[in-house]
Amino acid sequence: MVYSSLDLFVAHLIAPTWCRPVDGRHLTWCPSWWKHPEAIMRLEALWRSWEHLRMDPATGLSVWMLDHADRHMRVLMDPELGPFKGCHPERGHGERLRPLPLEEPPAGLFT
């Protein structure tokens, strides 16, 4: 593996590669991305798929960009529907999103 941890992958591949005008209105990012469970899951999926697909010398990086990175980064950076809603790239983390509401399933339903 090139990157030994998710934070290194984000710091050394994602952040310097995705140079975008993040203003919080059109695209957004949270400097404390690790406070968002969905972001962790999406970024870890990107990391794992990158580590695997980089080994394919023919189309691996193209497949990673089109099938993985483009899709996940579009969701992550969406200021209305993404996990960083309420955060701002300069002002930092905002706590606007709450977990989905849940009810307990009937006992024994999933046994």
N, C-alpha and C. Protein backbone atom coordinates (compact mmCIF):
# COMPACT_ATOMS: atom_id res chain seq x y z
N MET A 1 0.84 -1.19 0.00
CA MET A 1 0.00 0.00 0.00
C MET A 1 0.88 1.24 0.00
N VAL A 2 0.45 2.23 -0.73
CA VAL A 2 1.18 3.49 -0.78
C VAL A 2 0.91 4.30 0.49
N TYR A 3 -0.35 4.37 0.89
CA TYR A 3 -0.74 5.16 2.07
C TYR A 3 -1.09 4.20 3.20
N SER A 4 -0.49 4.44 4.35
CA SER A 4 -0.68 3.53 5.48
C SER A 4 -1.90 3.86 6.32
N SER A 5 -2.56 4.98 6.04
CA SER A 5 -3.75 5.35 6.81
C SER A 5 -4.63 6.27 5.97
N LEU A 6 -5.89 6.36 6.36
CA LEU A 6 -6.84 7.20 5.64
C LEU A 6 -6.44 8.67 5.69
N ASP A 7 -5.99 9.15 6.83
CA ASP A 7 -5.63 10.57 6.92
C ASP A 7 -4.48 10.92 5.98
N LEU A 8 -3.53 10.01 5.80
CA LEU A 8 -2.44 10.26 4.86
C LEU A 8 -2.94 10.28 3.42
N PHE A 9 -3.86 9.38 3.10
CA PHE A 9 -4.45 9.35 1.76
C PHE A 9 -5.16 10.67 1.47
N VAL A 10 -5.95 11.14 2.43
CA VAL A 10 -6.68 12.40 2.23
C VAL A 10 -5.70 13.57 2.11
N ALA A 11 -4.70 13.61 2.98
CA ALA A 11 -3.75 14.73 2.99
C ALA A 11 -2.84 14.75 1.77
N HIS A 12 -2.45 13.58 1.29
CA HIS A 12 -1.43 13.53 0.24
C HIS A 12 -1.97 13.23 -1.15
N LEU A 13 -3.19 12.73 -1.26
CA LEU A 13 -3.75 12.48 -2.59
C LEU A 13 -5.02 13.29 -2.83
N ILE A 14 -5.99 13.19 -1.94
CA ILE A 14 -7.27 13.85 -2.18
C ILE A 14 -7.14 15.37 -2.13
N ALA A 15 -6.63 15.91 -1.04
CA ALA A 15 -6.58 17.38 -0.89
C ALA A 15 -5.78 18.07 -2.00
N PRO A 16 -4.58 17.60 -2.32
CA PRO A 16 -3.84 18.31 -3.38
C PRO A 16 -4.35 18.03 -4.79
N THR A 17 -5.12 16.95 -4.97
CA THR A 17 -5.62 16.62 -6.30
C THR A 17 -6.92 17.36 -6.61
N TRP A 18 -7.82 17.47 -5.63
CA TRP A 18 -9.11 18.11 -5.85
C TRP A 18 -9.03 19.59 -5.54
N CYS A 19 -8.34 20.32 -6.36
CA CYS A 19 -8.24 21.78 -6.23
C CYS A 19 -9.50 22.38 -6.85
N ARG A 20 -10.39 22.85 -6.01
CA ARG A 20 -11.66 23.41 -6.47
C ARG A 20 -11.93 24.69 -5.68
N PRO A 21 -12.74 25.60 -6.25
CA PRO A 21 -13.14 26.79 -5.50
C PRO A 21 -14.24 26.42 -4.50
N VAL A 22 -13.87 26.00 -3.33
CA VAL A 22 -14.86 25.60 -2.31
C VAL A 22 -15.26 26.85 -1.52
N ASP A 23 -16.49 27.29 -1.76
CA ASP A 23 -16.97 28.51 -1.12
C ASP A 23 -18.11 28.24 -0.15
N GLY A 24 -18.51 26.99 0.00
CA GLY A 24 -19.62 26.66 0.89
C GLY A 24 -20.98 26.82 0.23
N ARG A 25 -21.04 27.46 -0.92
CA ARG A 25 -22.30 27.65 -1.63
C ARG A 25 -22.43 26.71 -2.82
N HIS A 26 -21.40 26.62 -3.64
CA HIS A 26 -21.44 25.77 -4.83
C HIS A 26 -20.77 24.42 -4.56
N LEU A 27 -19.67 24.46 -3.89
CA LEU A 27 -18.95 23.26 -3.44
C LEU A 27 -18.51 23.52 -2.02
N THR A 28 -18.45 22.46 -1.22
CA THR A 28 -17.99 22.67 0.15
C THR A 28 -17.09 21.54 0.57
N TRP A 29 -16.41 21.77 1.67
CA TRP A 29 -15.49 20.79 2.26
C TRP A 29 -15.39 21.12 3.74
N CYS A 30 -15.21 20.12 4.55
CA CYS A 30 -15.02 20.35 5.98
C CYS A 30 -13.57 20.05 6.33
N PRO A 31 -12.84 21.02 6.87
CA PRO A 31 -11.46 20.76 7.29
C PRO A 31 -11.39 19.64 8.35
N SER A 32 -12.47 19.45 9.09
CA SER A 32 -12.57 18.36 10.07
C SER A 32 -13.39 17.23 9.47
N TRP A 33 -13.02 16.80 8.27
CA TRP A 33 -13.75 15.76 7.55
C TRP A 33 -13.93 14.50 8.38
N TRP A 34 -12.99 14.23 9.28
CA TRP A 34 -13.01 13.03 10.11
C TRP A 34 -14.09 13.06 11.18
N LYS A 35 -14.83 14.17 11.31
CA LYS A 35 -15.96 14.25 12.24
C LYS A 35 -17.27 13.79 11.59
N HIS A 36 -17.21 13.40 10.32
CA HIS A 36 -18.40 13.02 9.55
C HIS A 36 -18.33 11.54 9.19
N PRO A 37 -19.14 10.69 9.81
CA PRO A 37 -19.09 9.25 9.52
C PRO A 37 -19.26 8.92 8.04
N GLU A 38 -20.16 9.62 7.35
CA GLU A 38 -20.34 9.33 5.92
C GLU A 38 -19.08 9.68 5.14
N ALA A 39 -18.46 10.79 5.49
CA ALA A 39 -17.23 11.18 4.79
C ALA A 39 -16.13 10.16 5.02
N ILE A 40 -16.00 9.68 6.25
CA ILE A 40 -15.00 8.65 6.54
C ILE A 40 -15.26 7.42 5.67
N MET A 41 -16.51 7.00 5.60
CA MET A 41 -16.83 5.80 4.82
C MET A 41 -16.54 6.01 3.34
N ARG A 42 -16.95 7.14 2.79
CA ARG A 42 -16.71 7.41 1.37
C ARG A 42 -15.22 7.55 1.07
N LEU A 43 -14.49 8.26 1.92
CA LEU A 43 -13.06 8.45 1.70
C LEU A 43 -12.30 7.14 1.87
N GLU A 44 -12.73 6.32 2.80
CA GLU A 44 -12.08 5.02 2.95
C GLU A 44 -12.34 4.14 1.73
N ALA A 45 -13.56 4.22 1.19
CA ALA A 45 -13.86 3.48 -0.05
C ALA A 45 -12.96 3.97 -1.18
N LEU A 46 -12.74 5.27 -1.25
CA LEU A 46 -11.84 5.82 -2.26
C LEU A 46 -10.41 5.33 -2.05
N TRP A 47 -9.97 5.35 -0.83
CA TRP A 47 -8.61 4.91 -0.52
C TRP A 47 -8.39 3.45 -0.92
N ARG A 48 -9.29 2.58 -0.45
CA ARG A 48 -9.14 1.15 -0.72
C ARG A 48 -9.22 0.84 -2.22
N SER A 49 -10.16 1.49 -2.91
CA SER A 49 -10.29 1.24 -4.34
C SER A 49 -9.08 1.81 -5.10
N TRP A 50 -8.54 2.94 -4.66
CA TRP A 50 -7.34 3.49 -5.30
C TRP A 50 -6.16 2.56 -5.12
N GLU A 51 -5.97 2.05 -3.91
CA GLU A 51 -4.84 1.14 -3.66
C GLU A 51 -4.95 -0.11 -4.54
N HIS A 52 -6.15 -0.58 -4.78
CA HIS A 52 -6.35 -1.76 -5.62
C HIS A 52 -6.18 -1.42 -7.11
N LEU A 53 -6.88 -0.39 -7.55
CA LEU A 53 -6.91 -0.09 -8.99
C LEU A 53 -5.61 0.52 -9.51
N ARG A 54 -4.80 1.11 -8.66
CA ARG A 54 -3.53 1.68 -9.11
C ARG A 54 -2.60 0.58 -9.65
N MET A 55 -2.86 -0.65 -9.26
CA MET A 55 -2.03 -1.78 -9.70
C MET A 55 -2.32 -2.18 -11.15
N ASP A 56 -3.44 -1.72 -11.70
CA ASP A 56 -3.80 -2.02 -13.09
C ASP A 56 -3.14 -0.96 -13.98
N PRO A 57 -2.09 -1.33 -14.72
CA PRO A 57 -1.37 -0.33 -15.51
C PRO A 57 -2.13 0.17 -16.74
N ALA A 58 -3.17 -0.52 -17.13
CA ALA A 58 -3.89 -0.13 -18.34
C ALA A 58 -4.95 0.94 -18.04
N THR A 59 -6.02 0.55 -17.37
CA THR A 59 -7.13 1.48 -17.17
C THR A 59 -7.48 1.70 -15.70
N GLY A 60 -6.65 1.21 -14.81
CA GLY A 60 -6.97 1.28 -13.38
C GLY A 60 -7.28 2.68 -12.88
N LEU A 61 -6.43 3.64 -13.19
CA LEU A 61 -6.67 5.00 -12.69
C LEU A 61 -7.88 5.64 -13.34
N SER A 62 -8.13 5.34 -14.60
CA SER A 62 -9.32 5.87 -15.25
C SER A 62 -10.58 5.30 -14.61
N VAL A 63 -10.58 4.00 -14.38
CA VAL A 63 -11.72 3.36 -13.72
C VAL A 63 -11.92 3.97 -12.33
N TRP A 64 -10.83 4.18 -11.61
CA TRP A 64 -10.94 4.77 -10.27
C TRP A 64 -11.53 6.17 -10.35
N MET A 65 -11.04 6.99 -11.28
CA MET A 65 -11.56 8.36 -11.39
C MET A 65 -13.04 8.36 -11.76
N LEU A 66 -13.41 7.62 -12.81
CA LEU A 66 -14.78 7.68 -13.31
C LEU A 66 -15.79 6.95 -12.42
N ASP A 67 -15.42 5.77 -11.95
CA ASP A 67 -16.37 4.94 -11.20
C ASP A 67 -16.36 5.19 -9.70
N HIS A 68 -15.30 5.75 -9.19
CA HIS A 68 -15.18 5.92 -7.74
C HIS A 68 -15.03 7.38 -7.34
N ALA A 69 -13.91 7.99 -7.73
CA ALA A 69 -13.60 9.34 -7.26
C ALA A 69 -14.63 10.37 -7.69
N ASP A 70 -14.96 10.41 -8.97
CA ASP A 70 -15.92 11.42 -9.44
C ASP A 70 -17.23 11.32 -8.68
N ARG A 71 -17.72 10.13 -8.48
CA ARG A 71 -19.01 9.94 -7.82
C ARG A 71 -18.96 10.31 -6.34
N HIS A 72 -17.97 9.81 -5.62
CA HIS A 72 -17.88 10.10 -4.19
C HIS A 72 -17.55 11.57 -3.92
N MET A 73 -16.63 12.13 -4.67
CA MET A 73 -16.26 13.53 -4.43
C MET A 73 -17.42 14.46 -4.76
N ARG A 74 -18.21 14.14 -5.77
CA ARG A 74 -19.38 14.95 -6.09
C ARG A 74 -20.35 14.98 -4.91
N VAL A 75 -20.58 13.83 -4.30
CA VAL A 75 -21.48 13.77 -3.14
C VAL A 75 -20.84 14.48 -1.95
N LEU A 76 -19.59 14.20 -1.67
CA LEU A 76 -18.92 14.82 -0.53
C LEU A 76 -18.95 16.34 -0.60
N MET A 77 -18.74 16.90 -1.78
CA MET A 77 -18.59 18.34 -1.91
C MET A 77 -19.91 19.06 -2.22
N ASP A 78 -21.01 18.33 -2.28
CA ASP A 78 -22.31 18.94 -2.54
C ASP A 78 -22.76 19.72 -1.29
N PRO A 79 -22.93 21.03 -1.40
CA PRO A 79 -23.25 21.83 -0.22
C PRO A 79 -24.67 21.64 0.30
N GLU A 80 -25.55 21.06 -0.50
CA GLU A 80 -26.93 20.86 -0.06
C GLU A 80 -27.22 19.42 0.37
N LEU A 81 -26.66 18.45 -0.33
CA LEU A 81 -26.99 17.05 -0.08
C LEU A 81 -25.85 16.25 0.53
N GLY A 82 -24.66 16.81 0.57
CA GLY A 82 -23.50 16.07 1.06
C GLY A 82 -23.36 16.13 2.57
N PRO A 83 -22.47 15.32 3.12
CA PRO A 83 -22.28 15.25 4.56
C PRO A 83 -21.67 16.51 5.17
N PHE A 84 -21.13 17.41 4.35
CA PHE A 84 -20.51 18.62 4.88
C PHE A 84 -21.47 19.82 4.87
N LYS A 85 -22.76 19.57 4.68
CA LYS A 85 -23.74 20.67 4.73
C LYS A 85 -23.61 21.36 6.09
N GLY A 86 -23.48 22.65 6.06
CA GLY A 86 -23.33 23.42 7.29
C GLY A 86 -21.89 23.68 7.66
N CYS A 87 -20.98 23.00 7.00
CA CYS A 87 -19.55 23.24 7.23
C CYS A 87 -19.07 24.25 6.20
N HIS A 88 -17.94 24.85 6.49
CA HIS A 88 -17.35 25.80 5.55
C HIS A 88 -15.86 25.55 5.49
N PRO A 89 -15.28 25.58 4.30
CA PRO A 89 -13.86 25.27 4.18
C PRO A 89 -12.95 26.19 4.99
N GLU A 90 -13.39 27.42 5.27
CA GLU A 90 -12.56 28.34 6.05
C GLU A 90 -13.06 28.52 7.49
N ARG A 91 -14.37 28.56 7.68
CA ARG A 91 -14.91 28.73 9.03
C ARG A 91 -14.94 27.41 9.81
N GLY A 92 -14.83 26.30 9.09
CA GLY A 92 -14.71 25.01 9.75
C GLY A 92 -15.99 24.23 9.88
N HIS A 93 -15.96 23.32 10.84
CA HIS A 93 -17.01 22.32 11.05
C HIS A 93 -18.28 22.96 11.60
N GLY A 94 -19.41 22.51 11.07
CA GLY A 94 -20.72 22.93 11.56
C GLY A 94 -21.57 21.71 11.87
N GLU A 95 -22.33 21.76 12.93
CA GLU A 95 -23.15 20.61 13.36
C GLU A 95 -24.60 20.79 12.94
N ARG A 96 -24.88 20.74 11.64
CA ARG A 96 -26.25 20.92 11.18
C ARG A 96 -26.97 19.62 10.89
N LEU A 97 -26.24 18.56 10.65
CA LEU A 97 -26.88 17.31 10.26
C LEU A 97 -27.05 16.39 11.46
N ARG A 98 -28.15 15.73 11.50
CA ARG A 98 -28.46 14.78 12.57
C ARG A 98 -28.60 13.39 11.96
N PRO A 99 -28.37 12.34 12.76
CA PRO A 99 -28.59 10.98 12.25
C PRO A 99 -30.04 10.78 11.82
N LEU A 100 -30.25 9.84 10.92
CA LEU A 100 -31.60 9.51 10.47
C LEU A 100 -32.42 9.01 11.65
N PRO A 101 -33.71 9.37 11.72
CA PRO A 101 -34.54 8.87 12.81
C PRO A 101 -34.78 7.36 12.65
N LEU A 102 -34.82 6.67 13.77
CA LEU A 102 -35.01 5.22 13.75
C LEU A 102 -36.03 4.79 14.79
N GLU A 103 -36.71 3.71 14.51
CA GLU A 103 -37.56 3.02 15.48
C GLU A 103 -37.00 1.62 15.63
N GLU A 104 -37.12 1.04 16.79
CA GLU A 104 -36.66 -0.33 17.03
C GLU A 104 -37.51 -1.29 16.20
N PRO A 105 -36.87 -2.20 15.47
CA PRO A 105 -37.66 -3.21 14.74
C PRO A 105 -38.28 -4.20 15.72
N PRO A 106 -39.33 -4.87 15.30
CA PRO A 106 -39.94 -5.88 16.18
C PRO A 106 -38.92 -6.93 16.60
N ALA A 107 -39.01 -7.36 17.84
CA ALA A 107 -38.10 -8.37 18.36
C ALA A 107 -38.14 -9.62 17.48
N GLY A 108 -36.98 -10.15 17.15
CA GLY A 108 -36.88 -11.38 16.37
C GLY A 108 -36.98 -11.21 14.87
N LEU A 109 -37.24 -10.00 14.38
CA LEU A 109 -37.41 -9.78 12.95
C LEU A 109 -36.14 -10.13 12.16
N PHE A 110 -34.98 -9.86 12.71
CA PHE A 110 -33.73 -10.08 11.98
C PHE A 110 -32.89 -11.20 12.55
N THR A 111 -33.49 -12.15 13.24
CA THR A 111 -32.72 -13.28 13.75
C THR A 111 -32.75 -14.44 12.79
